[in-house]
Full PDB file with SEQRES, HELIX, SHEET, SSBOND, CRYST1, ORIGX, SCALE, CONECT and MASTER records, all heavy atoms in Angstrom:
SEQRES   1 A   37  LEU LEU ASN GLU ARG THR GLY ARG TYR TRP GLN LEU ASN          
SEQRES   2 A   37  ALA THR GLY GLY GLN VAL LEU ARG GLN LEU LEU ASP GLY          
SEQRES   3 A   37  HIS GLU ALA PRO ARG ILE ALA ALA GLU VAL ALA                  
HELIX    1 AA1 ALA A   14  LEU A   24  1                                  11    
HELIX    2 AA2 ALA A   29  VAL A   36  1                                   8    
SHEET    1 AA1 2 LEU A   2  ASN A   3  0                                        
SHEET    2 AA1 2 ARG A   8  TYR A   9 -1                                        
CRYST1    1.000    1.000    1.000  90.00  90.00  90.00 P 1           1          
ORIGX1      1.000000  0.000000  0.000000        0.00000                         
ORIGX2      0.000000  1.000000  0.000000        0.00000                         
ORIGX3      0.000000  0.000000  1.000000        0.00000                         
SCALE1      1.000000  0.000000  0.000000        0.00000                         
SCALE2      0.000000  1.000000  0.000000        0.00000                         
SCALE3      0.000000  0.000000  1.000000        0.00000                         
ATOM      1  N   LEU A   1     -10.993  -4.211 -19.354  1.00  0.00           N  
ATOM      2  CA  LEU A   1     -11.637  -5.387 -19.960  1.00  0.00           C  
ATOM      3  C   LEU A   1     -13.111  -5.326 -19.729  1.00  0.00           C  
ATOM      4  O   LEU A   1     -13.586  -4.903 -18.665  1.00  0.00           O  
ATOM      5  CB  LEU A   1     -11.109  -6.679 -19.356  1.00  0.00           C  
ATOM      6  CG  LEU A   1      -9.622  -6.915 -19.361  1.00  0.00           C  
ATOM      7  CD1 LEU A   1      -9.264  -8.076 -18.486  1.00  0.00           C  
ATOM      8  CD2 LEU A   1      -9.193  -7.195 -20.787  1.00  0.00           C  
ATOM      9  N   LEU A   2     -13.868  -5.790 -20.698  1.00  0.00           N  
ATOM     10  CA  LEU A   2     -15.303  -5.946 -20.548  1.00  0.00           C  
ATOM     11  C   LEU A   2     -15.658  -7.409 -20.723  1.00  0.00           C  
ATOM     12  O   LEU A   2     -15.321  -7.997 -21.765  1.00  0.00           O  
ATOM     13  CB  LEU A   2     -16.058  -5.091 -21.600  1.00  0.00           C  
ATOM     14  CG  LEU A   2     -17.562  -5.370 -21.718  1.00  0.00           C  
ATOM     15  CD1 LEU A   2     -18.277  -5.043 -20.434  1.00  0.00           C  
ATOM     16  CD2 LEU A   2     -18.151  -4.603 -22.900  1.00  0.00           C  
ATOM     17  N   ASN A   3     -16.284  -7.972 -19.749  1.00  0.00           N  
ATOM     18  CA  ASN A   3     -16.828  -9.351 -19.878  1.00  0.00           C  
ATOM     19  C   ASN A   3     -18.154  -9.188 -20.570  1.00  0.00           C  
ATOM     20  O   ASN A   3     -19.123  -8.733 -19.952  1.00  0.00           O  
ATOM     21  CB  ASN A   3     -16.938 -10.033 -18.524  1.00  0.00           C  
ATOM     22  CG  ASN A   3     -17.424 -11.431 -18.621  1.00  0.00           C  
ATOM     23  OD1 ASN A   3     -18.194 -11.804 -19.525  1.00  0.00           O  
ATOM     24  ND2 ASN A   3     -16.983 -12.276 -17.694  1.00  0.00           N  
ATOM     25  N   GLU A   4     -18.238  -9.484 -21.842  1.00  0.00           N  
ATOM     26  CA  GLU A   4     -19.436  -9.244 -22.615  1.00  0.00           C  
ATOM     27  C   GLU A   4     -20.631 -10.132 -22.166  1.00  0.00           C  
ATOM     28  O   GLU A   4     -21.769  -9.775 -22.399  1.00  0.00           O  
ATOM     29  CB  GLU A   4     -19.155  -9.429 -24.106  1.00  0.00           C  
ATOM     30  CG  GLU A   4     -18.239  -8.338 -24.623  1.00  0.00           C  
ATOM     31  CD  GLU A   4     -17.879  -8.527 -26.076  1.00  0.00           C  
ATOM     32  OE1 GLU A   4     -17.949  -9.659 -26.602  1.00  0.00           O  
ATOM     33  OE2 GLU A   4     -17.525  -7.519 -26.704  1.00  0.00           O  
ATOM     34  N   ARG A   5     -20.318 -11.257 -21.520  1.00  0.00           N  
ATOM     35  CA  ARG A   5     -21.387 -12.120 -21.015  1.00  0.00           C  
ATOM     36  C   ARG A   5     -22.101 -11.539 -19.800  1.00  0.00           C  
ATOM     37  O   ARG A   5     -23.291 -11.628 -19.621  1.00  0.00           O  
ATOM     38  CB  ARG A   5     -20.844 -13.502 -20.689  1.00  0.00           C  
ATOM     39  CG  ARG A   5     -20.402 -14.306 -21.878  1.00  0.00           C  
ATOM     40  CD  ARG A   5     -19.967 -15.730 -21.482  1.00  0.00           C  
ATOM     41  NE  ARG A   5     -19.025 -15.755 -20.364  1.00  0.00           N  
ATOM     42  CZ  ARG A   5     -17.701 -15.785 -20.532  1.00  0.00           C  
ATOM     43  NH1 ARG A   5     -17.183 -15.827 -21.719  1.00  0.00           N  
ATOM     44  NH2 ARG A   5     -16.903 -15.813 -19.500  1.00  0.00           N  
ATOM     45  N   THR A   6     -21.296 -10.880 -18.910  1.00  0.00           N  
ATOM     46  CA  THR A   6     -21.847 -10.386 -17.656  1.00  0.00           C  
ATOM     47  C   THR A   6     -22.026  -8.889 -17.643  1.00  0.00           C  
ATOM     48  O   THR A   6     -22.738  -8.350 -16.818  1.00  0.00           O  
ATOM     49  CB  THR A   6     -20.941 -10.750 -16.463  1.00  0.00           C  
ATOM     50  OG1 THR A   6     -19.692 -10.060 -16.620  1.00  0.00           O  
ATOM     51  CG2 THR A   6     -20.729 -12.259 -16.389  1.00  0.00           C  
ATOM     52  N   GLY A   7     -21.358  -8.166 -18.565  1.00  0.00           N  
ATOM     53  CA  GLY A   7     -21.368  -6.732 -18.578  1.00  0.00           C  
ATOM     54  C   GLY A   7     -20.507  -6.067 -17.544  1.00  0.00           C  
ATOM     55  O   GLY A   7     -20.524  -4.844 -17.395  1.00  0.00           O  
ATOM     56  N   ARG A   8     -19.681  -6.848 -16.873  1.00  0.00           N  
ATOM     57  CA  ARG A   8     -18.769  -6.314 -15.843  1.00  0.00           C  
ATOM     58  C   ARG A   8     -17.462  -5.850 -16.451  1.00  0.00           C  
ATOM     59  O   ARG A   8     -16.941  -6.457 -17.390  1.00  0.00           O  
ATOM     60  CB  ARG A   8     -18.472  -7.376 -14.784  1.00  0.00           C  
ATOM     61  CG  ARG A   8     -19.707  -7.703 -13.958  1.00  0.00           C  
ATOM     62  CD  ARG A   8     -19.384  -8.557 -12.795  1.00  0.00           C  
ATOM     63  NE  ARG A   8     -18.564  -7.791 -11.846  1.00  0.00           N  
ATOM     64  CZ  ARG A   8     -18.005  -8.301 -10.779  1.00  0.00           C  
ATOM     65  NH1 ARG A   8     -18.130  -9.591 -10.528  1.00  0.00           N  
ATOM     66  NH2 ARG A   8     -17.303  -7.552  -9.982  1.00  0.00           N  
ATOM     67  N   TYR A   9     -16.950  -4.732 -15.926  1.00  0.00           N  
ATOM     68  CA  TYR A   9     -15.681  -4.204 -16.363  1.00  0.00           C  
ATOM     69  C   TYR A   9     -14.583  -4.554 -15.368  1.00  0.00           C  
ATOM     70  O   TYR A   9     -14.831  -4.665 -14.161  1.00  0.00           O  
ATOM     71  CB  TYR A   9     -15.751  -2.644 -16.420  1.00  0.00           C  
ATOM     72  CG  TYR A   9     -16.477  -2.126 -17.630  1.00  0.00           C  
ATOM     73  CD1 TYR A   9     -17.846  -1.886 -17.576  1.00  0.00           C  
ATOM     74  CD2 TYR A   9     -15.787  -1.873 -18.819  1.00  0.00           C  
ATOM     75  CE1 TYR A   9     -18.533  -1.430 -18.656  1.00  0.00           C  
ATOM     76  CE2 TYR A   9     -16.485  -1.399 -19.931  1.00  0.00           C  
ATOM     77  CZ  TYR A   9     -17.838  -1.177 -19.839  1.00  0.00           C  
ATOM     78  OH  TYR A   9     -18.511  -0.703 -20.948  1.00  0.00           O  
ATOM     79  N   TRP A  10     -13.359  -4.715 -15.871  1.00  0.00           N  
ATOM     80  CA  TRP A  10     -12.211  -5.022 -15.048  1.00  0.00           C  
ATOM     81  C   TRP A  10     -11.105  -4.101 -15.485  1.00  0.00           C  
ATOM     82  O   TRP A  10     -10.926  -3.829 -16.708  1.00  0.00           O  
ATOM     83  CB  TRP A  10     -11.750  -6.474 -15.230  1.00  0.00           C  
ATOM     84  CG  TRP A  10     -12.849  -7.410 -14.831  1.00  0.00           C  
ATOM     85  CD1 TRP A  10     -13.873  -7.880 -15.591  1.00  0.00           C  
ATOM     86  CD2 TRP A  10     -13.041  -7.966 -13.560  1.00  0.00           C  
ATOM     87  NE1 TRP A  10     -14.683  -8.688 -14.896  1.00  0.00           N  
ATOM     88  CE2 TRP A  10     -14.217  -8.771 -13.611  1.00  0.00           C  
ATOM     89  CE3 TRP A  10     -12.354  -7.875 -12.340  1.00  0.00           C  
ATOM     90  CZ2 TRP A  10     -14.679  -9.472 -12.517  1.00  0.00           C  
ATOM     91  CZ3 TRP A  10     -12.834  -8.581 -11.272  1.00  0.00           C  
ATOM     92  CH2 TRP A  10     -13.980  -9.357 -11.342  1.00  0.00           C  
ATOM     93  N   GLN A  11     -10.314  -3.600 -14.542  1.00  0.00           N  
ATOM     94  CA  GLN A  11      -9.201  -2.735 -14.890  1.00  0.00           C  
ATOM     95  C   GLN A  11      -7.892  -3.371 -14.421  1.00  0.00           C  
ATOM     96  O   GLN A  11      -7.804  -3.828 -13.289  1.00  0.00           O  
ATOM     97  CB  GLN A  11      -9.343  -1.368 -14.236  1.00  0.00           C  
ATOM     98  CG  GLN A  11      -8.228  -0.419 -14.684  1.00  0.00           C  
ATOM     99  CD  GLN A  11      -8.481   1.003 -14.251  1.00  0.00           C  
ATOM    100  OE1 GLN A  11      -9.522   1.325 -13.722  1.00  0.00           O  
ATOM    101  NE2 GLN A  11      -7.516   1.880 -14.453  1.00  0.00           N  
ATOM    102  N   LEU A  12      -6.912  -3.455 -15.323  1.00  0.00           N  
ATOM    103  CA  LEU A  12      -5.600  -3.987 -14.990  1.00  0.00           C  
ATOM    104  C   LEU A  12      -4.588  -2.838 -15.075  1.00  0.00           C  
ATOM    105  O   LEU A  12      -4.695  -1.980 -15.964  1.00  0.00           O  
ATOM    106  CB  LEU A  12      -5.195  -5.053 -16.021  1.00  0.00           C  
ATOM    107  CG  LEU A  12      -6.094  -6.269 -16.129  1.00  0.00           C  
ATOM    108  CD1 LEU A  12      -5.664  -7.101 -17.310  1.00  0.00           C  
ATOM    109  CD2 LEU A  12      -6.033  -7.075 -14.847  1.00  0.00           C  
ATOM    110  N   ASN A  13      -3.592  -2.850 -14.197  1.00  0.00           N  
ATOM    111  CA  ASN A  13      -2.521  -1.887 -14.347  1.00  0.00           C  
ATOM    112  C   ASN A  13      -1.682  -2.245 -15.556  1.00  0.00           C  
ATOM    113  O   ASN A  13      -1.956  -3.248 -16.242  1.00  0.00           O  
ATOM    114  CB  ASN A  13      -1.723  -1.777 -13.036  1.00  0.00           C  
ATOM    115  CG  ASN A  13      -0.961  -3.060 -12.699  1.00  0.00           C  
ATOM    116  OD1 ASN A  13      -0.746  -3.924 -13.527  1.00  0.00           O  
ATOM    117  ND2 ASN A  13      -0.581  -3.157 -11.444  1.00  0.00           N  
ATOM    118  N   ALA A  14      -0.643  -1.474 -15.824  1.00  0.00           N  
ATOM    119  CA  ALA A  14       0.137  -1.698 -17.042  1.00  0.00           C  
ATOM    120  C   ALA A  14       0.774  -3.089 -17.062  1.00  0.00           C  
ATOM    121  O   ALA A  14       0.744  -3.765 -18.098  1.00  0.00           O  
ATOM    122  CB  ALA A  14       1.215  -0.633 -17.147  1.00  0.00           C  
ATOM    123  N   THR A  15       1.253  -3.546 -15.938  1.00  0.00           N  
ATOM    124  CA  THR A  15       1.889  -4.884 -15.884  1.00  0.00           C  
ATOM    125  C   THR A  15       0.817  -5.969 -16.094  1.00  0.00           C  
ATOM    126  O   THR A  15       1.063  -6.932 -16.811  1.00  0.00           O  
ATOM    127  CB  THR A  15       2.630  -5.091 -14.562  1.00  0.00           C  
ATOM    128  OG1 THR A  15       3.653  -4.072 -14.456  1.00  0.00           O  
ATOM    129  CG2 THR A  15       3.291  -6.462 -14.502  1.00  0.00           C  
ATOM    130  N   GLY A  16      -0.325  -5.809 -15.458  1.00  0.00           N  
ATOM    131  CA  GLY A  16      -1.403  -6.760 -15.655  1.00  0.00           C  
ATOM    132  C   GLY A  16      -1.853  -6.812 -17.104  1.00  0.00           C  
ATOM    133  O   GLY A  16      -2.171  -7.899 -17.640  1.00  0.00           O  
ATOM    134  N   GLY A  17      -1.869  -5.663 -17.751  1.00  0.00           N  
ATOM    135  CA  GLY A  17      -2.226  -5.618 -19.189  1.00  0.00           C  
ATOM    136  C   GLY A  17      -1.204  -6.373 -20.019  1.00  0.00           C  
ATOM    137  O   GLY A  17      -1.526  -7.088 -20.971  1.00  0.00           O  
ATOM    138  N   GLN A  18       0.069  -6.233 -19.643  1.00  0.00           N  
ATOM    139  CA  GLN A  18       1.138  -6.974 -20.377  1.00  0.00           C  
ATOM    140  C   GLN A  18       1.013  -8.450 -20.164  1.00  0.00           C  
ATOM    141  O   GLN A  18       1.154  -9.247 -21.110  1.00  0.00           O  
ATOM    142  CB  GLN A  18       2.529  -6.455 -19.920  1.00  0.00           C  
ATOM    143  CG  GLN A  18       2.814  -5.058 -20.337  1.00  0.00           C  
ATOM    144  CD  GLN A  18       4.072  -4.509 -19.680  1.00  0.00           C  
ATOM    145  OE1 GLN A  18       4.589  -5.072 -18.740  1.00  0.00           O  
ATOM    146  NE2 GLN A  18       4.526  -3.375 -20.214  1.00  0.00           N  
ATOM    147  N   VAL A  19       0.668  -8.881 -18.947  1.00  0.00           N  
ATOM    148  CA  VAL A  19       0.458 -10.299 -18.673  1.00  0.00           C  
ATOM    149  C   VAL A  19      -0.682 -10.810 -19.535  1.00  0.00           C  
ATOM    150  O   VAL A  19      -0.587 -11.885 -20.191  1.00  0.00           O  
ATOM    151  CB  VAL A  19       0.145 -10.534 -17.180  1.00  0.00           C  
ATOM    152  CG1 VAL A  19      -0.305 -11.969 -16.935  1.00  0.00           C  
ATOM    153  CG2 VAL A  19       1.407 -10.230 -16.335  1.00  0.00           C  
ATOM    154  N   LEU A  20      -1.781 -10.074 -19.587  1.00  0.00           N  
ATOM    155  CA  LEU A  20      -2.931 -10.478 -20.415  1.00  0.00           C  
ATOM    156  C   LEU A  20      -2.548 -10.596 -21.861  1.00  0.00           C  
ATOM    157  O   LEU A  20      -2.857 -11.626 -22.517  1.00  0.00           O  
ATOM    158  CB  LEU A  20      -4.059  -9.483 -20.252  1.00  0.00           C  
ATOM    159  CG  LEU A  20      -5.266  -9.707 -21.170  1.00  0.00           C  
ATOM    160  CD1 LEU A  20      -5.960 -11.011 -20.847  1.00  0.00           C  
ATOM    161  CD2 LEU A  20      -6.206  -8.557 -21.121  1.00  0.00           C  
ATOM    162  N   ARG A  21      -1.879  -9.610 -22.422  1.00  0.00           N  
ATOM    163  CA  ARG A  21      -1.502  -9.668 -23.850  1.00  0.00           C  
ATOM    164  C   ARG A  21      -0.634 -10.876 -24.141  1.00  0.00           C  
ATOM    165  O   ARG A  21      -0.762 -11.541 -25.162  1.00  0.00           O  
ATOM    166  CB  ARG A  21      -0.829  -8.353 -24.241  1.00  0.00           C  
ATOM    167  CG  ARG A  21      -1.796  -7.262 -24.508  1.00  0.00           C  
ATOM    168  CD  ARG A  21      -1.136  -6.002 -25.132  1.00  0.00           C  
ATOM    169  NE  ARG A  21      -0.179  -5.339 -24.200  1.00  0.00           N  
ATOM    170  CZ  ARG A  21      -0.534  -4.579 -23.164  1.00  0.00           C  
ATOM    171  NH1 ARG A  21      -1.808  -4.399 -22.905  1.00  0.00           N  
ATOM    172  NH2 ARG A  21       0.373  -4.034 -22.426  1.00  0.00           N  
ATOM    173  N   GLN A  22       0.317 -11.139 -23.249  1.00  0.00           N  
ATOM    174  CA  GLN A  22       1.189 -12.297 -23.449  1.00  0.00           C  
ATOM    175  C   GLN A  22       0.450 -13.608 -23.354  1.00  0.00           C  
ATOM    176  O   GLN A  22       0.719 -14.541 -24.133  1.00  0.00           O  
ATOM    177  CB  GLN A  22       2.384 -12.243 -22.461  1.00  0.00           C  
ATOM    178  CG  GLN A  22       3.332 -11.116 -22.811  1.00  0.00           C  
ATOM    179  CD  GLN A  22       4.534 -11.092 -21.888  1.00  0.00           C  
ATOM    180  OE1 GLN A  22       4.963 -12.119 -21.374  1.00  0.00           O  
ATOM    181  NE2 GLN A  22       5.077  -9.919 -21.670  1.00  0.00           N  
ATOM    182  N   LEU A  23      -0.535 -13.698 -22.445  1.00  0.00           N  
ATOM    183  CA  LEU A  23      -1.355 -14.913 -22.376  1.00  0.00           C  
ATOM    184  C   LEU A  23      -2.133 -15.081 -23.666  1.00  0.00           C  
ATOM    185  O   LEU A  23      -2.196 -16.175 -24.223  1.00  0.00           O  
ATOM    186  CB  LEU A  23      -2.390 -14.763 -21.232  1.00  0.00           C  
ATOM    187  CG  LEU A  23      -1.943 -15.127 -19.843  1.00  0.00           C  
ATOM    188  CD1 LEU A  23      -3.039 -14.822 -18.861  1.00  0.00           C  
ATOM    189  CD2 LEU A  23      -1.549 -16.594 -19.767  1.00  0.00           C  
ATOM    190  N   LEU A  24      -2.688 -13.999 -24.164  1.00  0.00           N  
ATOM    191  CA  LEU A  24      -3.464 -14.079 -25.394  1.00  0.00           C  
ATOM    192  C   LEU A  24      -2.625 -14.399 -26.596  1.00  0.00           C  
ATOM    193  O   LEU A  24      -3.101 -15.002 -27.557  1.00  0.00           O  
ATOM    194  CB  LEU A  24      -4.246 -12.768 -25.626  1.00  0.00           C  
ATOM    195  CG  LEU A  24      -5.298 -12.427 -24.583  1.00  0.00           C  
ATOM    196  CD1 LEU A  24      -5.891 -11.042 -24.866  1.00  0.00           C  
ATOM    197  CD2 LEU A  24      -6.396 -13.491 -24.557  1.00  0.00           C  
ATOM    198  N   ASP A  25      -1.314 -14.092 -26.522  1.00  0.00           N  
ATOM    199  CA  ASP A  25      -0.364 -14.442 -27.575  1.00  0.00           C  
ATOM    200  C   ASP A  25       0.149 -15.857 -27.451  1.00  0.00           C  
ATOM    201  O   ASP A  25       0.984 -16.312 -28.236  1.00  0.00           O  
ATOM    202  CB  ASP A  25       0.807 -13.465 -27.578  1.00  0.00           C  
ATOM    203  CG  ASP A  25       0.456 -12.096 -28.108  1.00  0.00           C  
ATOM    204  OD1 ASP A  25      -0.605 -11.957 -28.810  1.00  0.00           O  
ATOM    205  OD2 ASP A  25       1.213 -11.124 -27.879  1.00  0.00           O  
ATOM    206  N   GLY A  26      -0.342 -16.596 -26.418  1.00  0.00           N  
ATOM    207  CA  GLY A  26       0.030 -17.968 -26.251  1.00  0.00           C  
ATOM    208  C   GLY A  26       1.221 -18.285 -25.356  1.00  0.00           C  
ATOM    209  O   GLY A  26       1.703 -19.393 -25.277  1.00  0.00           O  
ATOM    210  N   HIS A  27       1.725 -17.269 -24.666  1.00  0.00           N  
ATOM    211  CA  HIS A  27       2.890 -17.480 -23.798  1.00  0.00           C  
ATOM    212  C   HIS A  27       2.466 -18.156 -22.483  1.00  0.00           C  
ATOM    213  O   HIS A  27       1.353 -17.925 -21.983  1.00  0.00           O  
ATOM    214  CB  HIS A  27       3.595 -16.168 -23.476  1.00  0.00           C  
ATOM    215  CG  HIS A  27       4.113 -15.500 -24.714  1.00  0.00           C  
ATOM    216  ND1 HIS A  27       5.221 -15.904 -25.391  1.00  0.00           N  
ATOM    217  CD2 HIS A  27       3.622 -14.436 -25.412  1.00  0.00           C  
ATOM    218  CE1 HIS A  27       5.415 -15.129 -26.435  1.00  0.00           C  
ATOM    219  NE2 HIS A  27       4.473 -14.231 -26.495  1.00  0.00           N  
ATOM    220  N   GLU A  28       3.327 -18.958 -21.910  1.00  0.00           N  
ATOM    221  CA  GLU A  28       3.086 -19.642 -20.686  1.00  0.00           C  
ATOM    222  C   GLU A  28       3.515 -18.762 -19.495  1.00  0.00           C  
ATOM    223  O   GLU A  28       4.376 -17.910 -19.633  1.00  0.00           O  
ATOM    224  CB  GLU A  28       3.846 -20.971 -20.651  1.00  0.00           C  
ATOM    225  CG  GLU A  28       3.434 -21.928 -21.760  1.00  0.00           C  
ATOM    226  CD  GLU A  28       2.054 -22.523 -21.542  1.00  0.00           C  
ATOM    227  OE1 GLU A  28       1.629 -22.653 -20.375  1.00  0.00           O  
ATOM    228  OE2 GLU A  28       1.382 -22.813 -22.561  1.00  0.00           O  
ATOM    229  N   ALA A  29       2.954 -19.027 -18.325  1.00  0.00           N  
ATOM    230  CA  ALA A  29       3.205 -18.244 -17.123  1.00  0.00           C  
ATOM    231  C   ALA A  29       4.698 -18.129 -16.767  1.00  0.00           C  
ATOM    232  O   ALA A  29       5.176 -17.026 -16.454  1.00  0.00           O  
ATOM    233  CB  ALA A  29       2.432 -18.805 -15.929  1.00  0.00           C  
ATOM    234  N   PRO A  30       5.516 -19.226 -16.853  1.00  0.00           N  
ATOM    235  CA  PRO A  30       6.933 -19.071 -16.514  1.00  0.00           C  
ATOM    236  C   PRO A  30       7.659 -18.034 -17.428  1.00  0.00           C  
ATOM    237  O   PRO A  30       8.485 -17.285 -16.944  1.00  0.00           O  
ATOM    238  CB  PRO A  30       7.510 -20.465 -16.713  1.00  0.00           C  
ATOM    239  CG  PRO A  30       6.332 -21.374 -16.485  1.00  0.00           C  
ATOM    240  CD  PRO A  30       5.157 -20.603 -17.078  1.00  0.00           C  
ATOM    241  N   ARG A  31       7.348 -18.076 -18.689  1.00  0.00           N  
ATOM    242  CA  ARG A  31       7.999 -17.109 -19.627  1.00  0.00           C  
ATOM    243  C   ARG A  31       7.569 -15.672 -19.301  1.00  0.00           C  
ATOM    244  O   ARG A  31       8.355 -14.760 -19.296  1.00  0.00           O  
ATOM    245  CB  ARG A  31       7.668 -17.457 -21.100  1.00  0.00           C  
ATOM    246  CG  ARG A  31       8.253 -16.461 -22.040  1.00  0.00           C  
ATOM    247  CD  ARG A  31       7.965 -16.839 -23.454  1.00  0.00           C  
ATOM    248  NE  ARG A  31       8.420 -15.778 -24.328  1.00  0.00           N  
ATOM    249  CZ  ARG A  31       8.294 -15.801 -25.642  1.00  0.00           C  
ATOM    250  NH1 ARG A  31       7.795 -16.853 -26.223  1.00  0.00           N  
ATOM    251  NH2 ARG A  31       8.703 -14.785 -26.370  1.00  0.00           N  
ATOM    252  N   ILE A  32       6.241 -15.507 -19.023  1.00  0.00           N  
ATOM    253  CA  ILE A  32       5.757 -14.193 -18.707  1.00  0.00           C  
ATOM    254  C   ILE A  32       6.434 -13.668 -17.445  1.00  0.00           C  
ATOM    255  O   ILE A  32       6.851 -12.518 -17.373  1.00  0.00           O  
ATOM    256  CB  ILE A  32       4.220 -14.230 -18.552  1.00  0.00           C  
ATOM    257  CG1 ILE A  32       3.523 -14.629 -19.861  1.00  0.00           C  
ATOM    258  CG2 ILE A  32       3.687 -12.879 -18.044  1.00  0.00           C  
ATOM    259  CD1 ILE A  32       2.049 -14.959 -19.710  1.00  0.00           C  
ATOM    260  N   ALA A  33       6.532 -14.539 -16.439  1.00  0.00           N  
ATOM    261  CA  ALA A  33       7.164 -14.138 -15.147  1.00  0.00           C  
ATOM    262  C   ALA A  33       8.607 -13.746 -15.354  1.00  0.00           C  
ATOM    263  O   ALA A  33       9.072 -12.762 -14.810  1.00  0.00           O  
ATOM    264  CB  ALA A  33       7.064 -15.287 -14.133  1.00  0.00           C  
ATOM    265  N   ALA A  34       9.326 -14.493 -16.212  1.00  0.00           N  
ATOM    266  CA  ALA A  34      10.713 -14.165 -16.472  1.00  0.00           C  
ATOM    267  C   ALA A  34      10.853 -12.787 -17.140  1.00  0.00           C  
ATOM    268  O   ALA A  34      11.725 -11.984 -16.773  1.00  0.00           O  
ATOM    269  CB  ALA A  34      11.356 -15.220 -17.333  1.00  0.00           C  
ATOM    270  N   GLU A  35       9.932 -12.499 -18.036  1.00  0.00           N  
ATOM    271  CA  GLU A  35       9.955 -11.179 -18.712  1.00  0.00           C  
ATOM    272  C   GLU A  35       9.585 -10.048 -17.719  1.00  0.00           C  
ATOM    273  O   GLU A  35      10.210  -8.990 -17.754  1.00  0.00           O  
ATOM    274  CB  GLU A  35       9.020 -11.188 -19.896  1.00  0.00           C  
ATOM    275  CG  GLU A  35       9.536 -12.058 -21.037  1.00  0.00           C  
ATOM    276  CD  GLU A  35       8.616 -12.091 -22.228  1.00  0.00           C  
ATOM    277  OE1 GLU A  35       7.751 -11.164 -22.413  1.00  0.00           O  
ATOM    278  OE2 GLU A  35       8.759 -13.011 -23.038  1.00  0.00           O  
ATOM    279  N   VAL A  36       8.617 -10.290 -16.866  1.00  0.00           N  
ATOM    280  CA  VAL A  36       8.256  -9.281 -15.849  1.00  0.00           C  
ATOM    281  C   VAL A  36       9.437  -9.053 -14.920  1.00  0.00           C  
ATOM    282  O   VAL A  36       9.747  -7.905 -14.579  1.00  0.00           O  
ATOM    283  CB  VAL A  36       6.990  -9.738 -15.063  1.00  0.00           C  
ATOM    284  CG1 VAL A  36       6.752  -8.857 -13.859  1.00  0.00           C  
ATOM    285  CG2 VAL A  36       5.769  -9.680 -15.991  1.00  0.00           C  
ATOM    286  N   ALA A  37      10.081 -10.134 -14.474  1.00  0.00           N  
ATOM    287  CA  ALA A  37      11.207  -9.991 -13.554  1.00  0.00           C  
ATOM    288  C   ALA A  37      12.361  -9.155 -14.188  1.00  0.00           C  
ATOM    289  O   ALA A  37      12.895  -8.252 -13.561  1.00  0.00           O  
ATOM    290  CB  ALA A  37      11.744 -11.396 -13.154  1.00  0.00           C  
TER     291      ALA A  37                                                      
MASTER        0    0    0    2    2    0    0    6  290    1    0    3          
END                                                                             
């Protein structure tokens, strides 16, 4: 990830990336956690 405001980069592992994509798709934390589990 690149924070375009600050210029800082962030790296997520594969699971973190999946969490991010699901958040961006509008899913709530409990649903994301159930899918990860």
